Amino acid sequence: MKWLDNISLTLVIIGALNWLLIGIFRFDLVAFLFGNLSWLSRIIYTLVGLCGLYAVSFFGRIRNAYGSDL
């Protein structure tokens, strides 16, 4: 499952950078590269969102790895 963690974290970071660009420059990189709400950009947005939800499980794993003193 480490490969899934790495892919998820990478997509979450890409999504965060896209939101940074939107917030600062009003520039949506995904829409620029793949079209404004084209089927491909919708797939990318969906994958980033699903990876974000999956990344919530990292909190539980971090807590288990370092103990309950967090």
PDB file of N, CA and C in Angstrom:
ATOM      1  N   MET A   1       0.812  -1.207   0.000  1.00  0.00           N
ATOM      2  CA  MET A   1       0.000   0.000   0.000  1.00  0.00           C
ATOM      3  C   MET A   1       0.850   1.265   0.000  1.00  0.00           C
ATOM      4  N   LYS A   2       2.159   1.109   0.119  1.00  0.00           N
ATOM      5  CA  LYS A   2       3.000   2.289   0.126  1.00  0.00           C
ATOM      6  C   LYS A   2       2.907   3.042  -1.204  1.00  0.00           C
ATOM      7  N   TRP A   3       2.739   2.319  -2.302  1.00  0.00           N
ATOM      8  CA  TRP A   3       2.618   2.981  -3.604  1.00  0.00           C
ATOM      9  C   TRP A   3       1.361   3.838  -3.651  1.00  0.00           C
ATOM     10  N   LEU A   4       0.280   3.355  -3.042  1.00  0.00           N
ATOM     11  CA  LEU A   4      -0.964   4.123  -3.004  1.00  0.00           C
ATOM     12  C   LEU A   4      -0.790   5.378  -2.146  1.00  0.00           C
ATOM     13  N   ASP A   5      -0.082   5.244  -1.037  1.00  0.00           N
ATOM     14  CA  ASP A   5       0.205   6.403  -0.193  1.00  0.00           C
ATOM     15  C   ASP A   5       1.010   7.454  -0.960  1.00  0.00           C
ATOM     16  N   ASN A   6       2.028   7.011  -1.693  1.00  0.00           N
ATOM     17  CA  ASN A   6       2.868   7.942  -2.447  1.00  0.00           C
ATOM     18  C   ASN A   6       2.095   8.632  -3.564  1.00  0.00           C
ATOM     19  N   ILE A   7       1.288   7.883  -4.286  1.00  0.00           N
ATOM     20  CA  ILE A   7       0.475   8.477  -5.359  1.00  0.00           C
ATOM     21  C   ILE A   7      -0.531   9.457  -4.769  1.00  0.00           C
ATOM     22  N   SER A   8      -1.179   9.057  -3.682  1.00  0.00           N
ATOM     23  CA  SER A   8      -2.165   9.928  -3.048  1.00  0.00           C
ATOM     24  C   SER A   8      -1.530  11.215  -2.558  1.00  0.00           C
ATOM     25  N   LEU A   9      -0.399  11.103  -1.894  1.00  0.00           N
ATOM     26  CA  LEU A   9       0.279  12.293  -1.382  1.00  0.00           C
ATOM     27  C   LEU A   9       0.713  13.205  -2.526  1.00  0.00           C
ATOM     28  N   THR A  10       1.200  12.633  -3.613  1.00  0.00           N
ATOM     29  CA  THR A  10       1.598  13.430  -4.771  1.00  0.00           C
ATOM     30  C   THR A  10       0.412  14.186  -5.356  1.00  0.00           C
ATOM     31  N   LEU A  11      -0.723  13.514  -5.521  1.00  0.00           N
ATOM     32  CA  LEU A  11      -1.902  14.175  -6.072  1.00  0.00           C
ATOM     33  C   LEU A  11      -2.468  15.230  -5.120  1.00  0.00           C
ATOM     34  N   VAL A  12      -2.388  14.986  -3.834  1.00  0.00           N
ATOM     35  CA  VAL A  12      -2.846  15.990  -2.865  1.00  0.00           C
ATOM     36  C   VAL A  12      -1.956  17.227  -2.934  1.00  0.00           C
ATOM     37  N   ILE A  13      -0.652  17.025  -3.081  1.00  0.00           N
ATOM     38  CA  ILE A  13       0.264  18.161  -3.210  1.00  0.00           C
ATOM     39  C   ILE A  13      -0.010  18.927  -4.492  1.00  0.00           C
ATOM     40  N   ILE A  14      -0.237  18.224  -5.598  1.00  0.00           N
ATOM     41  CA  ILE A  14      -0.581  18.890  -6.856  1.00  0.00           C
ATOM     42  C   ILE A  14      -1.862  19.691  -6.701  1.00  0.00           C
ATOM     43  N   GLY A  15      -2.848  19.113  -6.032  1.00  0.00           N
ATOM     44  CA  GLY A  15      -4.095  19.830  -5.786  1.00  0.00           C
ATOM     45  C   GLY A  15      -3.885  21.064  -4.930  1.00  0.00           C
ATOM     46  N   ALA A  16      -3.036  20.941  -3.921  1.00  0.00           N
ATOM     47  CA  ALA A  16      -2.752  22.096  -3.058  1.00  0.00           C
ATOM     48  C   ALA A  16      -2.046  23.198  -3.840  1.00  0.00           C
ATOM     49  N   LEU A  17      -1.109  22.825  -4.692  1.00  0.00           N
ATOM     50  CA  LEU A  17      -0.432  23.826  -5.521  1.00  0.00           C
ATOM     51  C   LEU A  17      -1.395  24.490  -6.492  1.00  0.00           C
ATOM     52  N   ASN A  18      -2.335  23.711  -7.024  1.00  0.00           N
ATOM     53  CA  ASN A  18      -3.348  24.287  -7.913  1.00  0.00           C
ATOM     54  C   ASN A  18      -4.209  25.303  -7.157  1.00  0.00           C
ATOM     55  N   TRP A  19      -4.590  24.965  -5.917  1.00  0.00           N
ATOM     56  CA  TRP A  19      -5.376  25.915  -5.119  1.00  0.00           C
ATOM     57  C   TRP A  19      -4.560  27.151  -4.766  1.00  0.00           C
ATOM     58  N   LEU A  20      -3.263  26.978  -4.550  1.00  0.00           N
ATOM     59  CA  LEU A  20      -2.395  28.128  -4.300  1.00  0.00           C
ATOM     60  C   LEU A  20      -2.393  29.066  -5.503  1.00  0.00           C
ATOM     61  N   LEU A  21      -2.268  28.490  -6.694  1.00  0.00           N
ATOM     62  CA  LEU A  21      -2.294  29.302  -7.912  1.00  0.00           C
ATOM     63  C   LEU A  21      -3.638  30.003  -8.095  1.00  0.00           C
ATOM     64  N   ILE A  22      -4.721  29.300  -7.770  1.00  0.00           N
ATOM     65  CA  ILE A  22      -6.053  29.906  -7.878  1.00  0.00           C
ATOM     66  C   ILE A  22      -6.176  31.049  -6.880  1.00  0.00           C
ATOM     67  N   GLY A  23      -5.732  30.822  -5.653  1.00  0.00           N
ATOM     68  CA  GLY A  23      -5.867  31.837  -4.615  1.00  0.00           C
ATOM     69  C   GLY A  23      -5.036  33.080  -4.854  1.00  0.00           C
ATOM     70  N   ILE A  24      -3.819  32.901  -5.337  1.00  0.00           N
ATOM     71  CA  ILE A  24      -2.931  34.051  -5.506  1.00  0.00           C
ATOM     72  C   ILE A  24      -3.103  34.721  -6.868  1.00  0.00           C
ATOM     73  N   PHE A  25      -3.155  33.907  -7.923  1.00  0.00           N
ATOM     74  CA  PHE A  25      -3.131  34.459  -9.280  1.00  0.00           C
ATOM     75  C   PHE A  25      -4.436  34.284 -10.062  1.00  0.00           C
ATOM     76  N   ARG A  26      -5.433  33.621  -9.442  1.00  0.00           N
ATOM     77  CA  ARG A  26      -6.684  33.289 -10.146  1.00  0.00           C
ATOM     78  C   ARG A  26      -6.406  32.491 -11.420  1.00  0.00           C
ATOM     79  N   PHE A  27      -5.463  31.575 -11.310  1.00  0.00           N
ATOM     80  CA  PHE A  27      -5.040  30.749 -12.441  1.00  0.00           C
ATOM     81  C   PHE A  27      -5.238  29.284 -12.082  1.00  0.00           C
ATOM     82  N   ASP A  28      -6.128  28.609 -12.788  1.00  0.00           N
ATOM     83  CA  ASP A  28      -6.415  27.193 -12.562  1.00  0.00           C
ATOM     84  C   ASP A  28      -5.573  26.380 -13.545  1.00  0.00           C
ATOM     85  N   LEU A  29      -4.504  25.781 -13.045  1.00  0.00           N
ATOM     86  CA  LEU A  29      -3.576  25.051 -13.889  1.00  0.00           C
ATOM     87  C   LEU A  29      -4.237  23.846 -14.548  1.00  0.00           C
ATOM     88  N   VAL A  30      -5.078  23.133 -13.826  1.00  0.00           N
ATOM     89  CA  VAL A  30      -5.745  21.962 -14.385  1.00  0.00           C
ATOM     90  C   VAL A  30      -6.652  22.374 -15.540  1.00  0.00           C
ATOM     91  N   ALA A  31      -7.422  23.423 -15.345  1.00  0.00           N
ATOM     92  CA  ALA A  31      -8.298  23.899 -16.417  1.00  0.00           C
ATOM     93  C   ALA A  31      -7.483  24.412 -17.600  1.00  0.00           C
ATOM     94  N   PHE A  32      -6.356  25.041 -17.325  1.00  0.00           N
ATOM     95  CA  PHE A  32      -5.490  25.544 -18.390  1.00  0.00           C
ATOM     96  C   PHE A  32      -4.922  24.394 -19.220  1.00  0.00           C
ATOM     97  N   LEU A  33      -4.492  23.326 -18.545  1.00  0.00           N
ATOM     98  CA  LEU A  33      -3.867  22.207 -19.252  1.00  0.00           C
ATOM     99  C   LEU A  33      -4.868  21.281 -19.935  1.00  0.00           C
ATOM    100  N   PHE A  34      -6.024  21.060 -19.304  1.00  0.00           N
ATOM    101  CA  PHE A  34      -6.937  20.027 -19.785  1.00  0.00           C
ATOM    102  C   PHE A  34      -8.312  20.545 -20.195  1.00  0.00           C
ATOM    103  N   GLY A  35      -8.535  21.839 -20.091  1.00  0.00           N
ATOM    104  CA  GLY A  35      -9.824  22.399 -20.474  1.00  0.00           C
ATOM    105  C   GLY A  35     -10.691  22.654 -19.261  1.00  0.00           C
ATOM    106  N   ASN A  36     -11.525  23.670 -19.377  1.00  0.00           N
ATOM    107  CA  ASN A  36     -12.402  24.058 -18.278  1.00  0.00           C
ATOM    108  C   ASN A  36     -13.544  23.066 -18.152  1.00  0.00           C
ATOM    109  N   LEU A  37     -13.458  22.224 -17.138  1.00  0.00           N
ATOM    110  CA  LEU A  37     -14.428  21.168 -16.833  1.00  0.00           C
ATOM    111  C   LEU A  37     -14.645  20.214 -17.999  1.00  0.00           C
ATOM    112  N   SER A  38     -13.566  19.907 -18.721  1.00  0.00           N
ATOM    113  CA  SER A  38     -13.624  18.844 -19.715  1.00  0.00           C
ATOM    114  C   SER A  38     -13.687  17.514 -18.971  1.00  0.00           C
ATOM    115  N   TRP A  39     -13.921  16.447 -19.667  1.00  0.00           N
ATOM    116  CA  TRP A  39     -14.011  15.142 -18.996  1.00  0.00           C
ATOM    117  C   TRP A  39     -12.672  14.788 -18.350  1.00  0.00           C
ATOM    118  N   LEU A  40     -11.563  15.172 -18.974  1.00  0.00           N
ATOM    119  CA  LEU A  40     -10.257  14.864 -18.403  1.00  0.00           C
ATOM    120  C   LEU A  40      -9.978  15.685 -17.140  1.00  0.00           C
ATOM    121  N   SER A  41     -10.315  16.958 -17.167  1.00  0.00           N
ATOM    122  CA  SER A  41     -10.100  17.771 -15.969  1.00  0.00           C
ATOM    123  C   SER A  41     -11.024  17.323 -14.833  1.00  0.00           C
ATOM    124  N   ARG A  42     -12.227  16.895 -15.154  1.00  0.00           N
ATOM    125  CA  ARG A  42     -13.135  16.392 -14.114  1.00  0.00           C
ATOM    126  C   ARG A  42     -12.591  15.121 -13.482  1.00  0.00           C
ATOM    127  N   ILE A  43     -11.965  14.268 -14.284  1.00  0.00           N
ATOM    128  CA  ILE A  43     -11.335  13.054 -13.748  1.00  0.00           C
ATOM    129  C   ILE A  43     -10.189  13.433 -12.814  1.00  0.00           C
ATOM    130  N   ILE A  44      -9.381  14.408 -13.218  1.00  0.00           N
ATOM    131  CA  ILE A  44      -8.264  14.842 -12.378  1.00  0.00           C
ATOM    132  C   ILE A  44      -8.765  15.435 -11.073  1.00  0.00           C
ATOM    133  N   TYR A  45      -9.778  16.315 -11.151  1.00  0.00           N
ATOM    134  CA  TYR A  45     -10.344  16.883  -9.924  1.00  0.00           C
ATOM    135  C   TYR A  45     -10.899  15.777  -9.022  1.00  0.00           C
ATOM    136  N   THR A  46     -11.551  14.783  -9.597  1.00  0.00           N
ATOM    137  CA  THR A  46     -12.114  13.680  -8.821  1.00  0.00           C
ATOM    138  C   THR A  46     -11.014  12.860  -8.159  1.00  0.00           C
ATOM    139  N   LEU A  47      -9.948  12.553  -8.907  1.00  0.00           N
ATOM    140  CA  LEU A  47      -8.845  11.788  -8.335  1.00  0.00           C
ATOM    141  C   LEU A  47      -8.159  12.546  -7.206  1.00  0.00           C
ATOM    142  N   VAL A  48      -7.955  13.840  -7.390  1.00  0.00           N
ATOM    143  CA  VAL A  48      -7.335  14.649  -6.336  1.00  0.00           C
ATOM    144  C   VAL A  48      -8.229  14.666  -5.098  1.00  0.00           C
ATOM    145  N   GLY A  49      -9.529  14.807  -5.290  1.00  0.00           N
ATOM    146  CA  GLY A  49     -10.455  14.795  -4.164  1.00  0.00           C
ATOM    147  C   GLY A  49     -10.474  13.462  -3.440  1.00  0.00           C
ATOM    148  N   LEU A  50     -10.493  12.366  -4.194  1.00  0.00           N
ATOM    149  CA  LEU A  50     -10.467  11.041  -3.573  1.00  0.00           C
ATOM    150  C   LEU A  50      -9.163  10.804  -2.820  1.00  0.00           C
ATOM    151  N   CYS A  51      -8.062  11.272  -3.391  1.00  0.00           N
ATOM    152  CA  CYS A  51      -6.777  11.131  -2.706  1.00  0.00           C
ATOM    153  C   CYS A  51      -6.748  11.975  -1.432  1.00  0.00           C
ATOM    154  N   GLY A  52      -7.393  13.130  -1.470  1.00  0.00           N
ATOM    155  CA  GLY A  52      -7.487  13.946  -0.265  1.00  0.00           C
ATOM    156  C   GLY A  52      -8.257  13.235   0.839  1.00  0.00           C
ATOM    157  N   LEU A  53      -9.349  12.580   0.454  1.00  0.00           N
ATOM    158  CA  LEU A  53     -10.106  11.807   1.441  1.00  0.00           C
ATOM    159  C   LEU A  53      -9.286  10.633   1.966  1.00  0.00           C
ATOM    160  N   TYR A  54      -8.561   9.975   1.080  1.00  0.00           N
ATOM    161  CA  TYR A  54      -7.709   8.862   1.501  1.00  0.00           C
ATOM    162  C   TYR A  54      -6.603   9.349   2.430  1.00  0.00           C
ATOM    163  N   ALA A  55      -6.088  10.553   2.191  1.00  0.00           N
ATOM    164  CA  ALA A  55      -5.007  11.093   3.008  1.00  0.00           C
ATOM    165  C   ALA A  55      -5.435  11.339   4.447  1.00  0.00           C
ATOM    166  N   VAL A  56      -6.727  11.424   4.702  1.00  0.00           N
ATOM    167  CA  VAL A  56      -7.213  11.561   6.079  1.00  0.00           C
ATOM    168  C   VAL A  56      -6.749  10.366   6.914  1.00  0.00           C
ATOM    169  N   SER A  57      -6.620   9.205   6.284  1.00  0.00           N
ATOM    170  CA  SER A  57      -6.180   8.016   7.012  1.00  0.00           C
ATOM    171  C   SER A  57      -4.734   8.126   7.477  1.00  0.00           C
ATOM    172  N   PHE A  58      -3.962   9.059   6.901  1.00  0.00           N
ATOM    173  CA  PHE A  58      -2.580   9.254   7.343  1.00  0.00           C
ATOM    174  C   PHE A  58      -2.528   9.680   8.803  1.00  0.00           C
ATOM    175  N   PHE A  59      -3.520  10.435   9.259  1.00  0.00           N
ATOM    176  CA  PHE A  59      -3.530  10.880  10.650  1.00  0.00           C
ATOM    177  C   PHE A  59      -3.556   9.700  11.612  1.00  0.00           C
ATOM    178  N   GLY A  60      -4.385   8.712  11.317  1.00  0.00           N
ATOM    179  CA  GLY A  60      -4.451   7.528  12.165  1.00  0.00           C
ATOM    180  C   GLY A  60      -3.159   6.743  12.147  1.00  0.00           C
ATOM    181  N   ARG A  61      -2.543   6.651  10.981  1.00  0.00           N
ATOM    182  CA  ARG A  61      -1.292   5.911  10.871  1.00  0.00           C
ATOM    183  C   ARG A  61      -0.145   6.650  11.552  1.00  0.00           C
ATOM    184  N   ILE A  62      -0.150   7.959  11.485  1.00  0.00           N
ATOM    185  CA  ILE A  62       0.884   8.737  12.183  1.00  0.00           C
ATOM    186  C   ILE A  62       0.726   8.555  13.683  1.00  0.00           C
ATOM    187  N   ARG A  63      -0.518   8.596  14.135  1.00  0.00           N
ATOM    188  CA  ARG A  63      -0.771   8.433  15.570  1.00  0.00           C
ATOM    189  C   ARG A  63      -0.327   7.052  16.037  1.00  0.00           C
ATOM    190  N   ASN A  64      -0.597   6.017  15.224  1.00  0.00           N
ATOM    191  CA  ASN A  64      -0.179   4.665  15.603  1.00  0.00           C
ATOM    192  C   ASN A  64       1.336   4.523  15.560  1.00  0.00           C
ATOM    193  N   ALA A  65       1.983   5.194  14.635  1.00  0.00           N
ATOM    194  CA  ALA A  65       3.443   5.081  14.499  1.00  0.00           C
ATOM    195  C   ALA A  65       4.175   5.764  15.646  1.00  0.00           C
ATOM    196  N   TYR A  66       3.647   6.881  16.133  1.00  0.00           N
ATOM    197  CA  TYR A  66       4.328   7.653  17.169  1.00  0.00           C
ATOM    198  C   TYR A  66       3.706   7.485  18.544  1.00  0.00           C
ATOM    199  N   GLY A  67       2.712   6.693  18.635  1.00  0.00           N
ATOM    200  CA  GLY A  67       2.056   6.481  19.918  1.00  0.00           C
ATOM    201  C   GLY A  67       0.940   7.458  20.129  1.00  0.00           C
ATOM    202  N   SER A  68       0.300   7.363  21.253  1.00  0.00           N
ATOM    203  CA  SER A  68      -0.878   8.191  21.530  1.00  0.00           C
ATOM    204  C   SER A  68      -0.517   9.504  22.214  1.00  0.00           C
ATOM    205  N   ASP A  69       0.771   9.872  22.258  1.00  0.00           N
ATOM    206  CA  ASP A  69       1.162  11.090  22.942  1.00  0.00           C
ATOM    207  C   ASP A  69       1.098  12.324  22.050  1.00  0.00           C
ATOM    208  N   LEU A  70       0.467  12.217  20.877  1.00  0.00           N
ATOM    209  CA  LEU A  70       0.337  13.386  20.000  1.00  0.00           C
ATOM    210  C   LEU A  70      -0.833  14.226  20.386  1.00  0.00           C
TER     211      LEU A  70
END
